[in-house]
Amino acid sequence: MMQHFHAIIWIDHHQAKVFRFNASDVDRDVIRPHDPTVHLHHKANTIGSGHAPVDKDYLRRITESVSGAGAIMIVGPANAKTELAAQIAAHAPSLSARVSTVEAADHPSDGELVALARKFFRANDRMKTPG
C-alpha cells in the first residue's frame, strides 16, 4: 500500500469510508462498527436521552486507519463526525493537530468525497505555503 499524505473520512454510526490519497492515487477502506446501532427514539417520561452510546472501539479503529496521514478532513451527516474528532483529540493529540476541518456532508458518492477533499486540500495547502 502506497503512503498518502491526505485523508478524508466520511462517517456515520453505520460505517466510515476512509480515503487516503495523493494527486493520482486513492486507497479506500470501509470500517463498520461491530455492533451497529439502530435508530432510537426518545419518548416522553422515559429515562435516558434516546441516543446510543458512543462506540469507542469503532472510533479507535477509524483513528488507527489514518494514523499516518499528514492532513485529515472529517465529514458526515450527523454527530458521528464530532464524536470522532473528540475521540482523536482525547486519545491521539498529535493526530488531532493534523485534522484540518470537520464539516457536514450528507451522503456524497465516493468520487464526490475525493473531489471535495482534493479541492479543500489544494486551497488549504496553498494557504499554508510560505511565500
N, C-alpha and C. Protein backbone atom coordinates (compact mmCIF):
# COMPACT_ATOMS: atom_id res chain seq x y z
N MET A 1 0.85 -1.18 0.00
CA MET A 1 0.00 0.00 0.00
C MET A 1 0.89 1.24 0.00
N MET A 2 0.61 2.17 -0.88
CA MET A 2 1.35 3.41 -1.00
C MET A 2 0.98 4.36 0.14
N GLN A 3 1.96 5.09 0.65
CA GLN A 3 1.70 6.06 1.71
C GLN A 3 1.15 7.35 1.08
N HIS A 4 0.07 7.85 1.65
CA HIS A 4 -0.56 9.07 1.17
C HIS A 4 -0.57 10.10 2.29
N PHE A 5 -0.39 11.36 1.93
CA PHE A 5 -0.34 12.43 2.92
C PHE A 5 -1.73 12.84 3.37
N HIS A 6 -2.68 12.95 2.46
CA HIS A 6 -4.03 13.44 2.76
C HIS A 6 -5.02 12.29 3.00
N ALA A 7 -6.02 12.58 3.84
CA ALA A 7 -7.09 11.60 4.10
C ALA A 7 -8.40 12.34 4.31
N ILE A 8 -9.47 11.70 3.87
CA ILE A 8 -10.82 12.19 4.19
C ILE A 8 -11.59 11.01 4.78
N ILE A 9 -12.34 11.30 5.83
CA ILE A 9 -13.18 10.30 6.47
C ILE A 9 -14.61 10.77 6.37
N TRP A 10 -15.47 9.96 5.76
CA TRP A 10 -16.91 10.21 5.81
C TRP A 10 -17.45 9.22 6.83
N ILE A 11 -18.17 9.70 7.84
CA ILE A 11 -18.59 8.83 8.92
C ILE A 11 -20.04 9.06 9.32
N ASP A 12 -20.72 7.96 9.61
CA ASP A 12 -21.99 7.99 10.34
C ASP A 12 -21.92 6.83 11.33
N HIS A 13 -23.01 6.49 11.99
CA HIS A 13 -22.95 5.44 13.00
C HIS A 13 -23.03 4.03 12.42
N HIS A 14 -23.12 3.91 11.09
CA HIS A 14 -23.19 2.60 10.45
C HIS A 14 -21.92 2.22 9.71
N GLN A 15 -21.16 3.22 9.27
CA GLN A 15 -19.91 2.94 8.57
C GLN A 15 -19.06 4.20 8.47
N ALA A 16 -17.79 3.96 8.22
CA ALA A 16 -16.87 5.06 7.93
C ALA A 16 -16.15 4.70 6.63
N LYS A 17 -16.15 5.63 5.70
CA LYS A 17 -15.39 5.47 4.47
C LYS A 17 -14.12 6.30 4.64
N VAL A 18 -12.99 5.65 4.51
CA VAL A 18 -11.70 6.31 4.70
C VAL A 18 -10.97 6.29 3.37
N PHE A 19 -10.62 7.48 2.89
CA PHE A 19 -9.87 7.61 1.64
C PHE A 19 -8.54 8.28 1.96
N ARG A 20 -7.45 7.60 1.60
CA ARG A 20 -6.10 8.18 1.70
C ARG A 20 -5.67 8.40 0.26
N PHE A 21 -5.14 9.59 -0.04
CA PHE A 21 -4.93 9.90 -1.46
C PHE A 21 -3.79 10.89 -1.67
N ASN A 22 -3.36 10.93 -2.93
CA ASN A 22 -2.46 11.97 -3.43
C ASN A 22 -3.05 12.46 -4.75
N ALA A 23 -2.28 13.13 -5.55
CA ALA A 23 -2.81 13.71 -6.78
C ALA A 23 -3.28 12.66 -7.78
N SER A 24 -2.69 11.45 -7.74
CA SER A 24 -3.03 10.47 -8.77
C SER A 24 -3.56 9.14 -8.25
N ASP A 25 -3.54 8.91 -6.96
CA ASP A 25 -3.89 7.59 -6.43
C ASP A 25 -4.79 7.73 -5.21
N VAL A 26 -5.70 6.76 -5.03
CA VAL A 26 -6.62 6.75 -3.89
C VAL A 26 -6.69 5.33 -3.32
N ASP A 27 -6.56 5.22 -2.00
CA ASP A 27 -6.83 3.96 -1.30
C ASP A 27 -8.10 4.16 -0.51
N ARG A 28 -8.99 3.16 -0.52
CA ARG A 28 -10.28 3.28 0.17
C ARG A 28 -10.46 2.10 1.11
N ASP A 29 -10.92 2.40 2.32
CA ASP A 29 -11.31 1.38 3.29
C ASP A 29 -12.70 1.72 3.80
N VAL A 30 -13.44 0.69 4.16
CA VAL A 30 -14.73 0.88 4.82
C VAL A 30 -14.62 0.19 6.18
N ILE A 31 -14.92 0.93 7.23
CA ILE A 31 -14.87 0.41 8.59
C ILE A 31 -16.28 0.46 9.14
N ARG A 32 -16.70 -0.65 9.71
CA ARG A 32 -18.05 -0.73 10.28
C ARG A 32 -17.95 -1.07 11.76
N PRO A 33 -18.89 -0.57 12.55
CA PRO A 33 -18.90 -0.96 13.96
C PRO A 33 -19.22 -2.45 14.07
N HIS A 34 -18.72 -3.08 15.13
CA HIS A 34 -19.01 -4.50 15.34
C HIS A 34 -20.48 -4.71 15.66
N ASP A 35 -21.09 -3.74 16.32
CA ASP A 35 -22.50 -3.83 16.72
C ASP A 35 -23.19 -2.54 16.31
N PRO A 36 -23.61 -2.41 15.03
CA PRO A 36 -24.20 -1.15 14.58
C PRO A 36 -25.44 -0.78 15.39
N THR A 37 -25.57 0.50 15.64
CA THR A 37 -26.71 0.98 16.41
C THR A 37 -27.94 1.07 15.54
N VAL A 38 -29.07 0.92 16.17
CA VAL A 38 -30.34 1.14 15.48
C VAL A 38 -30.82 2.52 15.87
N HIS A 39 -31.67 3.08 15.08
CA HIS A 39 -32.20 4.41 15.35
C HIS A 39 -33.10 4.35 16.58
N LEU A 40 -32.78 5.13 17.59
CA LEU A 40 -33.56 5.15 18.82
C LEU A 40 -34.42 6.40 18.86
N HIS A 41 -35.58 6.29 19.42
CA HIS A 41 -36.46 7.43 19.59
C HIS A 41 -36.63 7.69 21.08
N HIS A 42 -36.53 8.93 21.46
CA HIS A 42 -36.75 9.30 22.86
C HIS A 42 -38.24 9.50 23.08
N LYS A 43 -38.75 8.89 24.09
CA LYS A 43 -40.17 9.02 24.40
C LYS A 43 -40.33 9.83 25.68
N ALA A 44 -41.34 10.62 25.72
CA ALA A 44 -41.62 11.43 26.90
C ALA A 44 -41.76 10.54 28.13
N ASN A 45 -41.31 11.06 29.25
CA ASN A 45 -41.41 10.37 30.56
C ASN A 45 -40.61 9.08 30.63
N THR A 46 -39.51 8.99 29.85
CA THR A 46 -38.63 7.84 29.96
C THR A 46 -37.25 8.33 30.36
N ILE A 47 -36.48 7.44 30.94
CA ILE A 47 -35.12 7.78 31.37
C ILE A 47 -34.18 7.60 30.20
N GLY A 48 -33.23 8.50 30.08
CA GLY A 48 -32.22 8.40 29.03
C GLY A 48 -32.49 9.39 27.93
N SER A 49 -31.45 9.61 27.13
CA SER A 49 -31.52 10.62 26.08
C SER A 49 -32.14 10.12 24.79
N GLY A 50 -32.21 8.80 24.64
CA GLY A 50 -32.67 8.24 23.38
C GLY A 50 -31.55 8.08 22.39
N HIS A 51 -30.31 8.41 22.81
CA HIS A 51 -29.14 8.28 21.94
C HIS A 51 -28.36 7.03 22.32
N ALA A 52 -27.83 6.33 21.32
CA ALA A 52 -26.98 5.18 21.58
C ALA A 52 -25.64 5.68 22.11
N PRO A 53 -24.98 4.91 22.96
CA PRO A 53 -23.67 5.32 23.47
C PRO A 53 -22.64 5.33 22.34
N VAL A 54 -21.59 6.12 22.52
CA VAL A 54 -20.52 6.22 21.53
C VAL A 54 -19.77 4.89 21.49
N ASP A 55 -19.53 4.36 20.29
CA ASP A 55 -18.80 3.11 20.10
C ASP A 55 -17.31 3.46 20.00
N LYS A 56 -16.62 3.41 21.13
CA LYS A 56 -15.22 3.84 21.18
C LYS A 56 -14.30 2.93 20.38
N ASP A 57 -14.61 1.64 20.30
CA ASP A 57 -13.79 0.73 19.51
C ASP A 57 -13.88 1.08 18.03
N TYR A 58 -15.07 1.38 17.56
CA TYR A 58 -15.29 1.81 16.17
C TYR A 58 -14.47 3.06 15.87
N LEU A 59 -14.55 4.05 16.75
CA LEU A 59 -13.81 5.29 16.55
C LEU A 59 -12.30 5.05 16.63
N ARG A 60 -11.86 4.15 17.51
CA ARG A 60 -10.43 3.83 17.63
C ARG A 60 -9.90 3.21 16.35
N ARG A 61 -10.67 2.30 15.75
CA ARG A 61 -10.24 1.66 14.50
C ARG A 61 -10.16 2.66 13.36
N ILE A 62 -11.07 3.62 13.32
CA ILE A 62 -11.02 4.67 12.29
C ILE A 62 -9.77 5.52 12.52
N THR A 63 -9.53 5.90 13.76
CA THR A 63 -8.36 6.72 14.10
C THR A 63 -7.08 6.01 13.66
N GLU A 64 -6.96 4.73 13.94
CA GLU A 64 -5.77 3.97 13.54
C GLU A 64 -5.60 3.95 12.03
N SER A 65 -6.70 3.94 11.30
CA SER A 65 -6.62 3.84 9.84
C SER A 65 -6.01 5.09 9.19
N VAL A 66 -6.03 6.22 9.88
CA VAL A 66 -5.46 7.46 9.33
C VAL A 66 -4.24 7.93 10.13
N SER A 67 -3.68 7.06 10.95
CA SER A 67 -2.58 7.48 11.82
C SER A 67 -1.36 7.98 11.06
N GLY A 68 -1.18 7.55 9.83
CA GLY A 68 -0.04 8.00 9.05
C GLY A 68 -0.30 9.23 8.19
N ALA A 69 -1.51 9.73 8.20
CA ALA A 69 -1.86 10.88 7.35
C ALA A 69 -1.28 12.17 7.91
N GLY A 70 -0.92 13.05 7.01
CA GLY A 70 -0.40 14.35 7.41
C GLY A 70 -1.47 15.41 7.53
N ALA A 71 -2.59 15.23 6.85
CA ALA A 71 -3.70 16.18 6.89
C ALA A 71 -5.00 15.38 6.71
N ILE A 72 -5.97 15.67 7.58
CA ILE A 72 -7.20 14.88 7.62
C ILE A 72 -8.41 15.79 7.56
N MET A 73 -9.40 15.37 6.81
CA MET A 73 -10.70 16.03 6.73
C MET A 73 -11.74 15.04 7.21
N ILE A 74 -12.60 15.44 8.15
CA ILE A 74 -13.66 14.57 8.66
C ILE A 74 -15.00 15.17 8.26
N VAL A 75 -15.83 14.36 7.60
CA VAL A 75 -17.14 14.84 7.16
C VAL A 75 -18.20 13.78 7.47
N GLY A 76 -19.45 14.21 7.54
CA GLY A 76 -20.54 13.27 7.75
C GLY A 76 -21.84 14.01 8.01
N PRO A 77 -22.95 13.27 8.02
CA PRO A 77 -24.26 13.89 8.10
C PRO A 77 -24.75 14.21 9.50
N ALA A 78 -24.20 13.59 10.53
CA ALA A 78 -24.76 13.77 11.88
C ALA A 78 -23.64 13.99 12.88
N ASN A 79 -23.85 13.59 14.13
CA ASN A 79 -22.87 13.89 15.16
C ASN A 79 -21.72 12.90 15.24
N ALA A 80 -21.69 11.84 14.46
CA ALA A 80 -20.58 10.89 14.49
C ALA A 80 -19.26 11.58 14.14
N LYS A 81 -19.30 12.57 13.25
CA LYS A 81 -18.07 13.26 12.87
C LYS A 81 -17.47 14.01 14.05
N THR A 82 -18.31 14.64 14.88
CA THR A 82 -17.78 15.36 16.04
C THR A 82 -17.35 14.38 17.14
N GLU A 83 -18.03 13.24 17.23
CA GLU A 83 -17.61 12.21 18.19
C GLU A 83 -16.22 11.69 17.80
N LEU A 84 -15.98 11.48 16.50
CA LEU A 84 -14.67 11.03 16.04
C LEU A 84 -13.61 12.09 16.33
N ALA A 85 -13.90 13.35 16.03
CA ALA A 85 -12.94 14.42 16.30
C ALA A 85 -12.61 14.50 17.79
N ALA A 86 -13.61 14.33 18.65
CA ALA A 86 -13.38 14.36 20.10
C ALA A 86 -12.54 13.16 20.54
N GLN A 87 -12.81 11.99 19.96
CA GLN A 87 -12.03 10.79 20.28
C GLN A 87 -10.57 10.99 19.89
N ILE A 88 -10.33 11.54 18.70
CA ILE A 88 -8.96 11.78 18.25
C ILE A 88 -8.29 12.79 19.17
N ALA A 89 -8.97 13.86 19.53
CA ALA A 89 -8.40 14.88 20.42
C ALA A 89 -8.03 14.29 21.78
N ALA A 90 -8.88 13.41 22.30
CA ALA A 90 -8.65 12.85 23.63
C ALA A 90 -7.58 11.76 23.65
N HIS A 91 -7.51 10.95 22.59
CA HIS A 91 -6.65 9.77 22.63
C HIS A 91 -5.48 9.80 21.65
N ALA A 92 -5.44 10.77 20.75
CA ALA A 92 -4.34 10.88 19.79
C ALA A 92 -4.09 12.36 19.51
N PRO A 93 -3.63 13.11 20.52
CA PRO A 93 -3.49 14.56 20.35
C PRO A 93 -2.56 14.97 19.20
N SER A 94 -1.52 14.19 18.93
CA SER A 94 -0.64 14.55 17.81
C SER A 94 -1.37 14.39 16.48
N LEU A 95 -2.26 13.41 16.39
CA LEU A 95 -3.08 13.23 15.19
C LEU A 95 -4.14 14.32 15.11
N SER A 96 -4.68 14.72 16.25
CA SER A 96 -5.70 15.77 16.28
C SER A 96 -5.18 17.07 15.66
N ALA A 97 -3.91 17.34 15.85
CA ALA A 97 -3.31 18.54 15.26
C ALA A 97 -3.31 18.49 13.74
N ARG A 98 -3.46 17.30 13.18
CA ARG A 98 -3.48 17.14 11.72
C ARG A 98 -4.89 17.13 11.14
N VAL A 99 -5.92 17.25 11.98
CA VAL A 99 -7.29 17.35 11.48
C VAL A 99 -7.49 18.78 11.00
N SER A 100 -7.64 18.94 9.71
CA SER A 100 -7.75 20.26 9.10
C SER A 100 -9.14 20.86 9.24
N THR A 101 -10.17 20.02 9.17
CA THR A 101 -11.55 20.51 9.25
C THR A 101 -12.50 19.36 9.58
N VAL A 102 -13.61 19.72 10.20
CA VAL A 102 -14.73 18.80 10.46
C VAL A 102 -15.96 19.51 9.89
N GLU A 103 -16.59 18.88 8.89
CA GLU A 103 -17.68 19.55 8.18
C GLU A 103 -18.86 18.62 7.96
N ALA A 104 -20.02 19.23 7.78
CA ALA A 104 -21.23 18.48 7.45
C ALA A 104 -21.20 18.08 5.98
N ALA A 105 -21.61 16.85 5.71
CA ALA A 105 -21.76 16.36 4.34
C ALA A 105 -22.78 15.23 4.39
N ASP A 106 -23.78 15.32 3.56
CA ASP A 106 -24.87 14.34 3.60
C ASP A 106 -24.37 12.96 3.18
N HIS A 107 -24.65 12.51 2.00
CA HIS A 107 -24.25 11.19 1.52
C HIS A 107 -23.68 11.30 0.11
N PRO A 108 -22.53 11.95 -0.06
CA PRO A 108 -21.95 12.07 -1.40
C PRO A 108 -21.40 10.73 -1.87
N SER A 109 -21.22 10.61 -3.18
CA SER A 109 -20.61 9.41 -3.74
C SER A 109 -19.12 9.40 -3.38
N ASP A 110 -18.48 8.27 -3.58
CA ASP A 110 -17.05 8.18 -3.30
C ASP A 110 -16.26 9.19 -4.13
N GLY A 111 -16.61 9.31 -5.40
CA GLY A 111 -15.93 10.27 -6.27
C GLY A 111 -16.12 11.70 -5.81
N GLU A 112 -17.34 12.02 -5.36
CA GLU A 112 -17.61 13.37 -4.86
C GLU A 112 -16.81 13.65 -3.59
N LEU A 113 -16.65 12.65 -2.72
CA LEU A 113 -15.86 12.84 -1.50
C LEU A 113 -14.40 13.14 -1.81
N VAL A 114 -13.82 12.35 -2.70
CA VAL A 114 -12.41 12.56 -3.05
C VAL A 114 -12.24 13.91 -3.74
N ALA A 115 -13.16 14.29 -4.62
CA ALA A 115 -13.08 15.60 -5.29
C ALA A 115 -13.20 16.73 -4.27
N LEU A 116 -14.11 16.60 -3.31
CA LEU A 116 -14.26 17.60 -2.25
C LEU A 116 -12.97 17.74 -1.46
N ALA A 117 -12.37 16.62 -1.09
CA ALA A 117 -11.14 16.65 -0.30
C ALA A 117 -9.98 17.24 -1.10
N ARG A 118 -9.85 16.84 -2.36
CA ARG A 118 -8.75 17.39 -3.18
C ARG A 118 -8.90 18.89 -3.34
N LYS A 119 -10.12 19.35 -3.56
CA LYS A 119 -10.36 20.79 -3.69
C LYS A 119 -10.02 21.51 -2.38
N PHE A 120 -10.48 20.97 -1.26
CA PHE A 120 -10.20 21.58 0.04
C PHE A 120 -8.69 21.63 0.30
N PHE A 121 -8.01 20.51 0.11
CA PHE A 121 -6.59 20.47 0.44
C PHE A 121 -5.74 21.28 -0.54
N ARG A 122 -6.15 21.40 -1.80
CA ARG A 122 -5.44 22.27 -2.72
C ARG A 122 -5.45 23.70 -2.19
N ALA A 123 -6.62 24.18 -1.79
CA ALA A 123 -6.75 25.54 -1.25
C ALA A 123 -6.07 25.64 0.11
N ASN A 124 -6.27 24.67 0.97
CA ASN A 124 -5.70 24.70 2.32
C ASN A 124 -4.18 24.63 2.28
N ASP A 125 -3.61 23.74 1.45
CA ASP A 125 -2.16 23.62 1.35
C ASP A 125 -1.55 24.90 0.79
N ARG A 126 -2.23 25.54 -0.15
CA ARG A 126 -1.75 26.77 -0.74
C ARG A 126 -1.69 27.87 0.32
N MET A 127 -2.68 27.91 1.19
CA MET A 127 -2.72 28.94 2.23
C MET A 127 -1.59 28.74 3.23
N LYS A 128 -1.14 27.52 3.46
CA LYS A 128 -0.10 27.25 4.44
C LYS A 128 1.30 27.40 3.87
N THR A 129 1.43 27.43 2.53
CA THR A 129 2.74 27.50 1.91
C THR A 129 3.31 28.92 2.06
N PRO A 130 4.49 29.05 2.65
CA PRO A 130 5.09 30.37 2.77
C PRO A 130 5.52 30.89 1.40
N GLY A 131 5.48 32.19 1.28
CA GLY A 131 5.99 32.72 0.03
C GLY A 131 5.15 33.74 -0.53
